[in-house]
Protein backbone atom coordinates (compact mmCIF):
# COMPACT_ATOMS: atom_id res chain seq x y z
CA MET A 1 114.16 100.34 93.97
CA GLY A 2 111.78 102.85 95.76
CA GLU A 3 111.37 106.39 96.76
CA ALA A 4 111.61 107.32 100.50
CA TRP A 5 111.59 110.52 102.66
CA ILE A 6 112.73 111.16 106.29
CA ARG A 7 111.09 114.05 107.80
CA GLY A 8 110.31 115.47 104.44
CA LYS A 9 113.68 114.97 102.90
CA SER A 10 114.49 112.65 100.16
CA ALA A 11 116.46 109.65 101.53
CA PRO A 12 117.93 106.17 100.37
CA LEU A 13 115.36 103.51 100.94
CA ASP A 14 117.73 101.63 103.25
CA ASP A 15 118.11 104.70 105.46
CA ALA A 16 114.25 105.15 105.56
CA ILE A 17 113.98 101.47 106.53
CA ALA A 18 116.55 101.80 109.34
CA GLU A 19 114.75 104.97 110.61
CA ALA A 20 111.55 103.34 110.51
CA ALA A 21 112.89 100.45 112.46
CA ASN A 22 114.22 102.93 115.13
CA ILE A 23 110.79 104.61 115.44
CA VAL A 24 109.01 101.15 115.98
CA ALA A 25 111.65 99.95 118.20
CA GLY A 26 111.29 102.87 120.41
CA SER A 27 107.60 102.54 120.91
CA ARG A 28 105.71 101.20 123.83
CA GLN A 29 102.48 100.78 122.04
CA PRO A 30 102.89 100.51 118.18
CA VAL A 31 99.85 100.43 115.95
CA ILE A 32 100.08 98.73 112.45
CA ALA A 33 97.01 100.22 110.69
CA GLY A 34 95.45 101.14 107.20
CA LEU A 35 96.46 97.59 106.20
CA GLY A 36 95.55 98.34 102.57
CA THR A 37 97.81 95.69 101.16
CA ASP A 38 97.67 92.25 99.55
CA VAL A 39 97.87 88.78 101.43
CA ALA A 40 101.90 88.80 101.53
CA GLY A 41 101.82 92.55 103.04
CA ALA A 42 99.02 91.58 105.48
CA ARG A 43 101.22 88.60 106.68
CA ALA A 44 104.20 90.83 107.13
CA ALA A 45 102.16 93.49 108.99
CA ILE A 46 101.00 90.84 111.51
CA ARG A 47 104.65 89.32 111.96
CA LEU A 48 105.74 92.88 112.60
CA ALA A 49 102.84 93.45 115.21
CA ARG A 50 103.73 90.08 116.94
CA LEU A 51 107.47 91.02 116.96
CA VAL A 52 106.79 94.56 118.77
CA GLY A 53 103.79 93.78 120.82
CA GLY A 54 101.72 95.95 118.47
CA VAL A 55 98.11 96.16 117.25
CA VAL A 56 96.76 95.50 113.82
CA ASP A 57 93.55 97.25 112.54
CA HIS A 58 92.37 97.96 108.88
CA MET A 59 90.90 101.26 107.70
CA HIS A 60 87.57 99.40 107.02
CA SER A 61 87.42 97.33 110.19
CA ASP A 62 84.16 99.05 111.21
CA ALA A 63 82.39 97.44 108.15
CA LEU A 64 84.22 94.25 108.36
CA LEU A 65 83.08 93.70 112.05
CA ARG A 66 79.52 94.76 111.43
CA ASP A 67 79.04 91.70 109.11
CA LEU A 68 81.21 89.52 111.33
CA ASP A 69 79.20 90.44 114.58
CA VAL A 70 75.87 89.47 112.78
CA MET A 71 77.37 86.14 111.69
CA ARG A 72 78.78 85.18 115.00
CA GLU A 73 75.77 86.40 116.98
CA ALA A 74 72.80 85.66 114.91
CA GLY A 75 74.10 83.35 111.91
CA MET A 76 74.22 84.48 108.22
CA MET A 77 73.38 82.49 105.24
CA VAL A 78 75.55 83.66 102.33
CA THR A 79 76.37 82.68 98.76
CA MET A 80 79.20 83.69 96.46
CA PRO A 81 78.98 86.05 93.42
CA THR A 82 79.56 83.33 90.83
CA GLU A 83 76.48 81.39 92.28
CA ALA A 84 74.50 84.45 92.31
CA HIS A 85 75.44 85.01 88.67
CA VAL A 86 74.72 81.50 87.46
CA ARG A 87 71.68 80.52 89.42
CA ALA A 88 69.73 83.52 90.93
CA ASP A 89 66.43 84.68 89.38
CA PHE A 90 65.91 87.47 91.68
CA LEU A 91 68.30 90.10 93.05
CA LEU A 92 67.16 92.17 96.06
CA LEU A 93 69.62 95.14 96.32
CA VAL A 94 69.52 96.60 99.80
CA GLY A 95 70.36 100.41 100.42
CA PRO A 96 72.98 102.72 99.18
CA GLY A 97 76.62 102.26 98.32
CA LEU A 98 76.39 99.07 96.32
CA ILE A 99 77.97 100.34 93.13
CA GLU A 100 80.73 102.16 95.10
CA ALA A 101 81.71 98.99 96.73
CA TRP A 102 81.52 96.95 93.64
CA PRO A 103 81.41 99.14 90.48
CA ALA A 104 81.12 95.66 88.37
CA LEU A 105 77.97 94.80 90.04
CA PRO A 106 75.56 95.76 87.16
CA GLU A 107 77.80 93.92 84.67
CA ARG A 108 78.21 90.89 86.70
CA LEU A 109 74.57 90.44 88.14
CA PHE A 110 71.95 92.84 86.78
CA ALA A 111 71.26 90.96 83.54
CA LYS A 112 68.63 88.01 82.94
CA ARG A 113 66.97 88.33 86.34
CA ARG A 114 64.28 90.36 88.26
CA ILE A 115 65.84 93.07 90.46
CA VAL A 116 64.31 95.17 93.16
CA TRP A 117 66.22 97.81 94.84
CA LEU A 118 65.23 99.04 98.48
CA CYS A 119 66.09 102.47 99.14
CA PRO A 120 68.91 103.14 96.73
CA ASP A 121 70.87 106.37 96.71
CA ALA A 122 69.46 108.53 94.01
CA ALA A 123 72.93 108.78 92.05
CA ALA A 124 72.93 105.18 91.32
CA ILE A 125 69.29 104.58 90.50
CA SER A 126 69.24 107.38 88.10
CA ALA A 127 71.85 105.86 85.84
CA SER A 128 70.29 104.79 82.54
CA THR A 129 71.85 101.35 82.83
CA TYR A 130 69.71 100.50 85.65
CA LYS A 131 66.35 101.20 84.22
CA ASN A 132 65.16 97.80 84.43
CA VAL A 133 65.54 97.96 88.28
CA ALA A 134 62.20 98.44 90.40
CA VAL A 135 62.50 100.68 93.33
CA VAL A 136 60.86 100.20 96.62
CA GLY A 137 61.42 103.19 98.94
CA ASP A 138 63.19 106.35 98.04
CA ASN A 139 64.89 107.44 101.07
CA PRO A 140 67.89 105.56 102.44
CA ALA A 141 67.24 106.76 105.91
CA GLU A 142 63.99 104.82 105.96
CA LEU A 143 65.71 101.53 105.12
CA PRO A 144 65.78 99.80 108.46
CA ALA A 145 62.25 100.49 109.03
CA ILE A 146 61.28 99.05 105.56
CA VAL A 147 63.45 96.06 106.10
CA ALA A 148 61.72 95.42 109.47
CA LEU A 149 58.40 96.07 107.65
CA VAL A 150 59.06 93.60 104.94
CA ARG A 151 59.96 90.92 107.46
CA ALA A 152 57.00 91.56 109.53
CA ARG A 153 54.85 91.10 106.59
CA CYS A 154 56.66 88.06 105.37
CA ALA A 155 55.68 86.43 108.74
CA GLY A 156 52.05 87.63 108.39
CA ARG A 157 52.25 90.17 111.14
CA PRO A 158 50.37 93.33 111.42
CA VAL A 159 52.17 96.75 111.00
CA ALA A 160 51.23 100.19 111.57
CA ASN A 161 52.84 103.79 110.54
CA ALA A 162 54.67 102.20 107.43
CA PRO A 163 56.91 104.57 105.52
CA ILE A 164 55.46 103.43 102.22
CA ALA A 165 52.18 102.15 101.13
CA LEU A 166 51.26 98.79 102.66
CA ALA A 167 49.89 97.55 99.33
CA THR A 168 53.44 98.04 97.69
CA ILE A 169 55.02 96.23 100.67
CA ASP A 170 52.48 93.27 100.39
CA ALA A 171 52.90 92.85 96.67
CA PHE A 172 56.64 92.94 97.07
CA VAL A 173 56.58 90.14 99.87
CA ALA A 174 54.37 88.04 97.60
CA GLU A 175 56.96 88.32 95.01
CA LEU A 176 59.67 87.35 97.46
CA LYS A 177 57.89 84.24 98.40
CA ARG A 178 57.53 83.16 94.62
CA VAL A 179 61.23 83.32 93.67
CA ARG A 180 63.14 80.19 93.06
CA PHE A 181 66.54 81.55 94.25
CA GLY A 182 66.79 85.08 95.52
CA VAL A 183 69.96 86.86 96.57
CA ALA A 184 70.08 89.84 98.87
CA VAL A 185 73.15 92.16 98.22
CA TRP A 186 74.36 94.83 100.81
CA SER A 187 77.43 96.88 101.81
CA ALA A 188 78.20 96.87 105.30
CA ALA A 189 79.98 100.22 105.03
CA ARG A 190 76.50 101.99 104.83
CA HIS A 191 74.52 100.10 107.26
CA ASP A 192 74.36 99.57 111.08
CA GLY A 193 74.55 96.16 112.60
CA LEU A 194 70.87 95.92 113.51
CA THR A 195 69.80 96.51 109.98
CA ILE A 196 72.05 93.87 108.70
CA GLU A 197 70.97 91.48 111.47
CA MET A 198 67.30 92.17 110.43
CA LEU A 199 68.12 91.60 106.89
CA CYS A 200 69.83 88.24 107.58
CA GLY A 201 66.79 87.30 109.65
CA LEU A 202 64.60 87.96 106.63
CA VAL A 203 66.82 85.76 104.32
CA ASN A 204 66.44 83.12 106.89
CA ASP A 205 62.65 83.34 107.12
CA LEU A 206 62.35 83.33 103.23
CA ASN A 207 64.13 79.93 103.43
CA ALA A 208 61.33 78.25 104.89
CA ALA A 209 59.45 78.23 101.77
CA THR A 210 61.92 79.02 98.96
CA ARG A 211 65.76 79.50 98.44
CA PHE A 212 67.33 82.78 99.41
CA SER A 213 70.75 83.90 100.31
CA GLY A 214 72.86 86.94 101.22
CA LEU A 215 75.81 88.44 99.40
CA PRO A 216 77.83 90.98 101.46
CA LEU A 217 79.99 93.08 99.33
CA ALA A 218 83.68 93.34 100.39
CA SER A 219 84.88 96.48 101.56
CA ALA A 220 87.77 98.29 99.56
CA ASP A 221 91.58 98.09 100.16
CA ASN A 222 91.53 94.33 100.04
CA ALA A 223 89.90 94.27 103.54
CA ALA A 224 88.33 90.87 103.08
CA ALA A 225 91.61 89.29 102.23
CA VAL A 226 93.30 91.03 105.19
CA GLN A 227 90.70 89.72 107.64
CA GLN A 228 91.13 86.13 106.46
CA VAL A 229 95.05 86.57 106.91
CA ALA A 230 94.36 87.75 110.50
CA GLY A 231 92.15 84.62 110.99
CA TRP A 232 94.52 82.10 109.97
CA MET A 233 97.53 83.79 111.53
CA THR A 234 96.07 84.82 114.94
CA GLY A 235 92.79 82.81 115.27
CA TYR A 236 91.11 86.08 115.68
CA PRO A 237 89.66 88.84 113.34
CA LEU A 238 91.33 92.38 112.91
CA ARG A 239 91.60 94.61 115.89
CA THR A 240 93.97 92.25 117.59
CA GLY A 241 96.85 93.15 119.68
CA PHE A 242 100.16 91.32 120.85
CA GLY A 243 100.89 93.38 123.82
CA ARG A 244 100.83 90.48 126.36
CA GLY A 245 102.70 88.20 124.04
CA VAL A 246 99.76 86.35 122.55
CA PRO A 247 97.11 87.53 120.25
CA GLU A 248 94.01 89.06 121.82
CA HIS A 249 91.02 90.30 120.08
CA ASP A 250 88.83 93.36 121.29
CA PRO A 251 87.01 95.56 118.85
CA TRP A 252 87.09 98.52 121.06
CA ARG A 253 90.42 98.15 123.03
CA PHE A 254 92.42 97.68 119.69
CA GLU A 255 90.74 100.28 117.41
CA ALA A 256 93.54 102.16 115.90
CA SER A 257 91.77 105.60 115.70
CA ARG A 258 90.88 105.26 119.41
CA LEU A 259 94.47 104.21 120.49
CA VAL A 260 95.98 106.97 118.71
CA ASP A 261 93.53 109.82 119.77
CA SER A 262 93.47 108.77 123.21
CA GLY A 263 97.28 108.83 123.38
CA GLU A 264 97.63 105.11 124.33
CA ALA A 265 99.54 104.60 120.98
CA ASP A 266 102.85 106.28 120.60
CA CYS A 267 103.72 104.98 117.17
CA ALA A 268 101.98 104.11 113.99
CA VAL A 269 102.77 102.36 110.83
CA TRP A 270 100.16 103.35 108.07
CA ILE A 271 99.87 101.12 105.07
CA SER A 272 97.70 102.25 102.04
CA ALA A 273 99.18 100.62 98.84
CA TYR A 274 95.89 100.83 96.90
CA GLY A 275 95.55 104.72 96.91
CA ALA A 276 96.31 107.80 98.71
CA ARG A 277 93.96 107.20 101.67
CA PRO A 278 95.41 109.17 104.84
CA PRO A 279 94.66 108.22 108.36
CA ALA A 280 91.75 110.18 109.82
CA TRP A 281 93.27 110.67 113.29
CA LYS A 282 93.10 113.97 115.43
CA ARG A 283 96.34 113.45 117.06
CA ASP A 284 100.06 113.48 115.46
CA LEU A 285 102.46 110.88 116.67
CA PRO A 286 105.55 109.31 115.03
CA LEU A 287 104.28 107.93 111.80
CA VAL A 288 105.87 105.63 109.22
CA ALA A 289 103.87 105.53 105.91
CA LEU A 290 103.90 103.03 103.11
CA THR A 291 101.72 104.51 100.65
CA GLY A 292 101.25 104.69 96.78
CA ASP A 293 100.97 108.56 96.90
CA PRO A 294 103.29 110.27 99.53
CA ASN A 295 102.10 113.62 98.70
CA THR A 296 98.91 113.09 100.76
CA ILE A 297 100.29 111.80 103.97
CA ARG A 298 102.36 113.60 106.52
CA SER A 299 104.70 111.46 108.23
CA HIS A 300 108.10 111.05 109.79
CA VAL A 301 109.23 108.25 107.47
CA THR A 302 107.45 107.83 104.00
CA ILE A 303 108.24 104.76 101.64
CA THR A 304 106.61 104.62 98.20
CA VAL A 305 105.34 101.17 97.47
CA GLY A 306 103.68 99.51 94.66
CA ARG A 307 100.07 98.85 94.16
CA PRO A 308 99.18 95.04 94.33
CA GLY A 309 98.14 93.48 91.17
CA LEU A 310 99.10 96.67 89.27
CA ASP A 311 102.80 97.10 89.89
CA HIS A 312 103.65 93.65 91.22
CA ASP A 313 101.98 90.28 91.47
CA ALA A 314 99.75 89.78 94.40
CA VAL A 315 97.21 87.56 96.13
CA GLU A 316 94.03 89.41 96.72
CA HIS A 317 90.19 88.91 97.38
CA LEU A 318 88.42 89.19 94.21
CA ALA A 319 84.81 90.53 94.15
CA THR A 320 83.84 88.71 91.05
CA THR A 321 84.38 85.38 92.76
CA GLY A 322 84.41 86.08 96.43
CA THR A 323 87.65 84.23 96.93
CA LEU A 324 91.44 84.84 97.18
CA ALA A 325 93.19 84.62 93.91
CA THR A 326 96.69 85.16 92.39
CA VAL A 327 96.67 88.47 90.21
CA SER A 328 99.50 89.10 87.72
CA ALA A 329 100.79 92.75 87.62
CA ARG A 330 99.08 94.55 84.82
CA GLN A 331 101.90 97.33 84.47
CA PRO A 332 104.95 95.93 86.33
CA GLU A 333 107.07 98.52 88.01
CA ALA A 334 110.17 98.43 90.16
CA ALA A 335 108.33 100.10 93.26
CA ALA A 336 108.85 97.92 96.43
CA SER A 337 105.95 95.92 97.77
CA VAL A 338 104.58 96.58 101.33
CA ALA A 339 105.83 92.85 102.16
CA SER A 340 109.26 93.48 101.12
CA VAL A 341 109.55 96.85 103.06
CA LEU A 342 108.05 95.33 106.27
CA ASP A 343 110.20 92.27 106.01
CA LYS A 344 113.35 94.54 105.84
CA ILE A 345 112.04 96.47 108.91
CA ILE A 346 111.44 93.09 110.82
CA THR A 347 114.98 91.93 109.94
CA LYS A 348 116.39 95.25 111.37
CA LEU A 349 114.52 94.80 114.58
CA SER A 350 115.28 91.24 114.84
CA ALA A 351 118.94 91.80 114.22
CA ALA A 352 118.96 94.64 116.91
CA HIS A 353 117.11 92.51 119.56
CA PRO A 354 117.95 88.96 118.81
CA CYS A 355 115.99 86.23 120.77
């Protein structure tokens, strides 16, 4: 069972699926975006894009690709949350947005270890639960300079015009070199690529004399899992298109917002099963929305879908382990899953245009 609307009017689910198939079939450049869904939904979205020559892009691709760009251009030494929980004696928290990215971070990693937070957001560090955290730098805007400064001092290089006292930095650097197993934690949603690259360089430098690793926090809306699905189904990360019959990856060409706002895309399927996040596009176009809250999105066809792991069983990326895992529905409901809706759209399209 599911709730559906066509141009704002309630409609049977099968009629909405047929209308969605018609919209996609009439498109020359469809975009399948948002992609806030579980593994099954991501697989179905990529199958749909392959069938219609569309583009797939996640709502958090910017953050995903920042970490990925550093990994493939400069290298990245990373560990798993469970390894950090069990073995790390030192936690280096880097910049703002960490609690937002992983609300369970304090519960999982703050106990029984030394913690230093570089340039946190004031709201996070003011919470009484974090009083055992030492702070270096109080302005998130200064974080890139401070990370560069710390790396320079770790290498014994002179610095000038430091935003904080050099004695503070040198004491911090001396502590970094004494740790047995340190872990640097960051969220790419709040940093540019150069800051992440500098941080990963610092991690590599520290490994010359001790053990240090990184822990990039996954973006919301199951982005890490969708990225993995794209990898094993296409050989490429997200922002991949099928317009020429084979998968092609290009972070600029296949950015959904650019395609929509430029007029290159003439149809979109927006998937947001984890919440009510609407697309932040400047241009209207024929839109099929698969969402957990239809009241926040204006679309030609709207189909209510269940939230993975809550309304139906799912395979998701778990922040606590850093891996994919099966999650049983906590409050099973009859709402359709993203995968089931997309599979029906694919069936309609395949029947209308058989190979």
